[in-house]
């Protein structure tokens, strides 16, 4: 069976594309992104989503802290985390919009 170089190159490109899709799907599953997400996924987006979840977790933990301790200091940390969360959400929206372009 004779296969031309063009056919071989075409087949290799198809395999490479499939491997890329498999890797992207795997990374998407590992970061627990909604399977119905319509935006283009990227490793940077996965990192931002992970940071956003951790930030929300820290805010919940600070808000549930026991009623002893320095309230002003805890409030300061909550404000700091909320500011970081807003920045992360803004960055996430920018990444998603760039993926759609």
N, C-alpha and C. Protein backbone atom coordinates (compact mmCIF):
# COMPACT_ATOMS: atom_id res chain seq x y z
N UNK A 1 0.84 -1.17 0.00
CA UNK A 1 0.00 0.00 0.00
C UNK A 1 0.89 1.24 0.00
N UNK A 2 0.75 2.04 -1.02
CA UNK A 2 1.53 3.26 -1.14
C UNK A 2 0.74 4.45 -0.59
N UNK A 3 1.37 5.16 0.30
CA UNK A 3 0.74 6.34 0.87
C UNK A 3 1.61 7.54 0.52
N UNK A 4 1.00 8.55 -0.03
CA UNK A 4 1.78 9.74 -0.40
C UNK A 4 2.12 10.56 0.84
N UNK A 5 3.10 11.39 0.67
CA UNK A 5 3.53 12.25 1.78
C UNK A 5 2.41 13.20 2.22
N UNK A 6 1.62 13.68 1.27
CA UNK A 6 0.53 14.59 1.59
C UNK A 6 -0.53 13.90 2.44
N UNK A 7 -0.87 12.66 2.07
CA UNK A 7 -1.86 11.91 2.84
C UNK A 7 -1.35 11.61 4.25
N UNK A 8 -0.08 11.25 4.33
CA UNK A 8 0.53 10.96 5.63
C UNK A 8 0.55 12.21 6.50
N UNK A 9 0.91 13.34 5.91
CA UNK A 9 0.93 14.59 6.65
C UNK A 9 -0.48 14.97 7.13
N UNK A 10 -1.46 14.77 6.27
CA UNK A 10 -2.85 15.06 6.62
C UNK A 10 -3.31 14.19 7.78
N UNK A 11 -2.99 12.89 7.71
CA UNK A 11 -3.38 11.98 8.79
C UNK A 11 -2.70 12.34 10.11
N UNK A 12 -1.43 12.70 10.04
CA UNK A 12 -0.70 13.09 11.25
C UNK A 12 -1.27 14.37 11.86
N UNK A 13 -1.67 15.30 11.01
CA UNK A 13 -2.29 16.53 11.50
C UNK A 13 -3.62 16.24 12.20
N UNK A 14 -4.40 15.31 11.63
CA UNK A 14 -5.67 14.92 12.26
C UNK A 14 -5.43 14.30 13.63
N UNK A 15 -4.43 13.42 13.71
CA UNK A 15 -4.10 12.76 14.98
C UNK A 15 -3.64 13.80 16.00
N UNK A 16 -2.80 14.74 15.56
CA UNK A 16 -2.31 15.78 16.45
C UNK A 16 -3.46 16.63 16.98
N UNK A 17 -4.40 16.96 16.10
CA UNK A 17 -5.56 17.76 16.52
C UNK A 17 -6.40 16.99 17.53
N UNK A 18 -6.59 15.70 17.30
CA UNK A 18 -7.37 14.87 18.23
C UNK A 18 -6.69 14.77 19.59
N UNK A 19 -5.37 14.62 19.59
CA UNK A 19 -4.63 14.57 20.85
C UNK A 19 -4.79 15.89 21.60
N UNK A 20 -4.70 17.00 20.91
CA UNK A 20 -4.90 18.32 21.53
C UNK A 20 -6.28 18.45 22.15
N UNK A 21 -7.30 17.97 21.42
CA UNK A 21 -8.67 18.03 21.94
C UNK A 21 -8.82 17.14 23.17
N UNK A 22 -8.21 15.98 23.15
CA UNK A 22 -8.26 15.07 24.30
C UNK A 22 -7.60 15.71 25.52
N UNK A 23 -6.44 16.32 25.32
CA UNK A 23 -5.74 16.97 26.43
C UNK A 23 -6.54 18.14 26.98
N UNK A 24 -7.13 18.95 26.11
CA UNK A 24 -7.94 20.07 26.56
C UNK A 24 -9.16 19.57 27.33
N UNK A 25 -9.80 18.52 26.85
CA UNK A 25 -10.96 17.93 27.54
C UNK A 25 -10.55 17.42 28.92
N UNK A 26 -9.40 16.74 28.99
CA UNK A 26 -8.92 16.19 30.25
C UNK A 26 -8.64 17.30 31.25
N UNK A 27 -7.96 18.36 30.81
CA UNK A 27 -7.67 19.48 31.71
C UNK A 27 -8.96 20.15 32.17
N UNK A 28 -9.92 20.26 31.27
CA UNK A 28 -11.20 20.86 31.61
C UNK A 28 -11.91 20.03 32.67
N UNK A 29 -11.90 18.71 32.53
CA UNK A 29 -12.53 17.82 33.51
C UNK A 29 -11.82 17.90 34.85
N UNK A 30 -10.49 17.99 34.83
CA UNK A 30 -9.72 18.02 36.08
C UNK A 30 -9.95 19.30 36.87
N UNK A 31 -10.34 20.38 36.21
CA UNK A 31 -10.59 21.64 36.91
C UNK A 31 -12.07 21.82 37.22
N UNK A 32 -12.88 20.82 36.96
CA UNK A 32 -14.31 20.81 37.28
C UNK A 32 -15.06 21.96 36.63
N UNK A 33 -14.74 22.27 35.41
CA UNK A 33 -15.48 23.30 34.68
C UNK A 33 -16.78 22.67 34.19
N UNK A 34 -17.84 23.43 34.23
CA UNK A 34 -19.14 22.95 33.79
C UNK A 34 -19.03 22.39 32.37
N UNK A 35 -19.55 21.19 32.17
CA UNK A 35 -19.43 20.55 30.86
C UNK A 35 -20.23 21.28 29.78
N UNK A 36 -21.16 22.12 30.18
CA UNK A 36 -21.97 22.87 29.21
C UNK A 36 -21.41 24.26 28.95
N UNK A 37 -20.20 24.52 29.45
CA UNK A 37 -19.59 25.83 29.25
C UNK A 37 -19.39 26.07 27.76
N UNK A 38 -19.75 27.25 27.31
CA UNK A 38 -19.66 27.54 25.88
C UNK A 38 -18.39 28.30 25.52
N UNK A 39 -17.65 28.77 26.52
CA UNK A 39 -16.44 29.54 26.23
C UNK A 39 -15.27 28.60 25.96
N UNK A 40 -14.29 29.14 25.27
CA UNK A 40 -13.07 28.38 24.95
C UNK A 40 -12.27 28.19 26.23
N UNK A 41 -11.86 26.96 26.49
CA UNK A 41 -11.12 26.66 27.70
C UNK A 41 -9.63 26.82 27.46
N UNK A 42 -8.92 27.29 28.48
CA UNK A 42 -7.46 27.40 28.41
C UNK A 42 -6.89 27.11 29.79
N UNK A 43 -5.62 26.75 29.87
CA UNK A 43 -5.01 26.52 31.18
C UNK A 43 -5.05 27.76 32.07
N UNK A 44 -4.92 28.94 31.46
CA UNK A 44 -4.99 30.18 32.24
C UNK A 44 -6.37 30.34 32.86
N UNK A 45 -7.40 30.02 32.11
CA UNK A 45 -8.76 30.09 32.64
C UNK A 45 -8.93 29.10 33.79
N UNK A 46 -8.38 27.90 33.64
CA UNK A 46 -8.45 26.91 34.70
C UNK A 46 -7.79 27.41 35.98
N UNK A 47 -6.65 28.08 35.85
CA UNK A 47 -5.95 28.63 37.01
C UNK A 47 -6.78 29.72 37.68
N UNK A 48 -7.38 30.59 36.88
CA UNK A 48 -8.20 31.68 37.42
C UNK A 48 -9.41 31.11 38.15
N UNK A 49 -10.05 30.09 37.58
CA UNK A 49 -11.22 29.48 38.22
C UNK A 49 -10.83 28.86 39.55
N UNK A 50 -9.69 28.20 39.59
CA UNK A 50 -9.22 27.58 40.83
C UNK A 50 -8.96 28.66 41.89
N UNK A 51 -8.29 29.75 41.52
CA UNK A 51 -8.03 30.85 42.45
C UNK A 51 -9.33 31.47 42.94
N UNK A 52 -10.29 31.62 42.02
CA UNK A 52 -11.58 32.21 42.39
C UNK A 52 -12.29 31.34 43.43
N UNK A 53 -12.28 30.04 43.24
CA UNK A 53 -12.92 29.14 44.21
C UNK A 53 -12.24 29.20 45.56
N UNK A 54 -10.90 29.25 45.56
CA UNK A 54 -10.16 29.35 46.82
C UNK A 54 -10.45 30.66 47.53
N UNK A 55 -10.57 31.73 46.77
CA UNK A 55 -10.87 33.04 47.34
C UNK A 55 -12.26 33.03 47.98
N UNK A 56 -13.25 32.47 47.29
CA UNK A 56 -14.59 32.37 47.86
C UNK A 56 -14.59 31.53 49.14
N UNK A 57 -13.79 30.48 49.16
CA UNK A 57 -13.69 29.62 50.33
C UNK A 57 -13.10 30.39 51.51
N UNK A 58 -12.06 31.19 51.25
CA UNK A 58 -11.45 31.99 52.33
C UNK A 58 -12.44 33.01 52.87
N UNK A 59 -13.22 33.63 51.98
CA UNK A 59 -14.22 34.62 52.42
C UNK A 59 -15.26 33.95 53.31
N UNK A 60 -15.76 32.78 52.90
CA UNK A 60 -16.74 32.05 53.73
C UNK A 60 -16.15 31.71 55.09
N UNK A 61 -14.91 31.27 55.10
CA UNK A 61 -14.26 30.90 56.35
C UNK A 61 -14.11 32.12 57.26
N UNK A 62 -13.74 33.26 56.70
CA UNK A 62 -13.60 34.48 57.50
C UNK A 62 -14.94 34.92 58.06
N UNK A 63 -15.99 34.80 57.27
CA UNK A 63 -17.32 35.22 57.73
C UNK A 63 -17.88 34.29 58.80
N UNK A 64 -17.46 33.03 58.79
CA UNK A 64 -17.94 32.06 59.78
C UNK A 64 -17.07 31.98 61.02
N UNK A 65 -16.04 32.81 61.09
CA UNK A 65 -15.12 32.75 62.22
C UNK A 65 -15.87 32.96 63.52
N UNK A 66 -15.36 32.37 64.60
CA UNK A 66 -16.03 32.54 65.90
C UNK A 66 -16.05 34.02 66.32
N UNK A 67 -16.87 34.32 67.25
CA UNK A 67 -17.08 35.71 67.65
C UNK A 67 -16.00 36.24 68.59
N UNK A 68 -14.90 35.57 68.72
CA UNK A 68 -13.80 36.12 69.51
C UNK A 68 -12.73 36.64 68.56
N UNK A 69 -11.91 37.52 69.03
CA UNK A 69 -10.83 38.03 68.18
C UNK A 69 -11.07 39.47 67.76
N UNK A 70 -10.22 39.93 66.88
CA UNK A 70 -10.22 41.31 66.42
C UNK A 70 -11.15 41.45 65.21
N UNK A 71 -12.32 42.06 65.44
CA UNK A 71 -13.32 42.20 64.36
C UNK A 71 -12.83 43.10 63.24
N UNK A 72 -12.12 44.18 63.61
CA UNK A 72 -11.63 45.11 62.59
C UNK A 72 -10.63 44.44 61.67
N UNK A 73 -9.76 43.63 62.24
CA UNK A 73 -8.77 42.93 61.44
C UNK A 73 -9.43 41.91 60.52
N UNK A 74 -10.40 41.17 61.05
CA UNK A 74 -11.11 40.18 60.23
C UNK A 74 -11.87 40.88 59.10
N UNK A 75 -12.51 42.01 59.41
CA UNK A 75 -13.23 42.78 58.39
C UNK A 75 -12.25 43.24 57.30
N UNK A 76 -11.06 43.65 57.71
CA UNK A 76 -10.03 44.10 56.77
C UNK A 76 -9.66 42.95 55.82
N UNK A 77 -9.49 41.74 56.35
CA UNK A 77 -9.17 40.58 55.51
C UNK A 77 -10.32 40.24 54.57
N UNK A 78 -11.54 40.38 55.05
CA UNK A 78 -12.71 40.11 54.19
C UNK A 78 -12.73 41.09 53.02
N UNK A 79 -12.53 42.36 53.29
CA UNK A 79 -12.51 43.39 52.24
C UNK A 79 -11.39 43.09 51.24
N UNK A 80 -10.22 42.68 51.75
CA UNK A 80 -9.08 42.37 50.88
C UNK A 80 -9.42 41.19 49.96
N UNK A 81 -10.02 40.15 50.51
CA UNK A 81 -10.38 38.97 49.71
C UNK A 81 -11.49 39.30 48.71
N UNK A 82 -12.45 40.13 49.10
CA UNK A 82 -13.52 40.51 48.17
C UNK A 82 -12.97 41.32 47.01
N UNK A 83 -12.00 42.17 47.28
CA UNK A 83 -11.36 42.95 46.22
C UNK A 83 -10.62 42.02 45.25
N UNK A 84 -9.91 41.04 45.82
CA UNK A 84 -9.21 40.07 44.98
C UNK A 84 -10.21 39.26 44.15
N UNK A 85 -11.33 38.89 44.75
CA UNK A 85 -12.36 38.14 44.05
C UNK A 85 -12.91 38.94 42.87
N UNK A 86 -13.17 40.22 43.07
CA UNK A 86 -13.66 41.06 41.98
C UNK A 86 -12.66 41.12 40.83
N UNK A 87 -11.36 41.23 41.16
CA UNK A 87 -10.33 41.25 40.13
C UNK A 87 -10.30 39.93 39.36
N UNK A 88 -10.42 38.81 40.09
CA UNK A 88 -10.41 37.50 39.45
C UNK A 88 -11.61 37.33 38.51
N UNK A 89 -12.77 37.77 38.95
CA UNK A 89 -13.97 37.66 38.11
C UNK A 89 -13.83 38.51 36.85
N UNK A 90 -13.27 39.71 37.01
CA UNK A 90 -13.06 40.57 35.85
C UNK A 90 -12.08 39.92 34.87
N UNK A 91 -11.00 39.35 35.40
CA UNK A 91 -10.02 38.67 34.55
C UNK A 91 -10.65 37.47 33.85
N UNK A 92 -11.47 36.72 34.58
CA UNK A 92 -12.15 35.56 34.01
C UNK A 92 -13.05 35.97 32.86
N UNK A 93 -13.80 37.04 33.04
CA UNK A 93 -14.68 37.52 31.97
C UNK A 93 -13.89 37.94 30.75
N UNK A 94 -12.73 38.61 30.97
CA UNK A 94 -11.90 39.03 29.85
C UNK A 94 -11.37 37.82 29.07
N UNK A 95 -10.92 36.80 29.81
CA UNK A 95 -10.41 35.59 29.16
C UNK A 95 -11.51 34.91 28.36
N UNK A 96 -12.71 34.81 28.94
CA UNK A 96 -13.82 34.17 28.23
C UNK A 96 -14.19 34.96 26.97
N UNK A 97 -14.20 36.29 27.06
CA UNK A 97 -14.57 37.08 25.89
C UNK A 97 -13.52 36.99 24.79
N UNK A 98 -12.25 36.91 25.17
CA UNK A 98 -11.17 36.76 24.17
C UNK A 98 -11.26 35.41 23.49
N UNK A 99 -11.68 34.38 24.26
CA UNK A 99 -11.83 33.05 23.68
C UNK A 99 -12.93 33.01 22.64
N UNK A 100 -13.94 33.86 22.82
CA UNK A 100 -15.07 33.87 21.87
C UNK A 100 -14.70 34.60 20.58
N UNK A 101 -13.70 35.46 20.64
CA UNK A 101 -13.32 36.25 19.46
C UNK A 101 -12.58 35.48 18.43
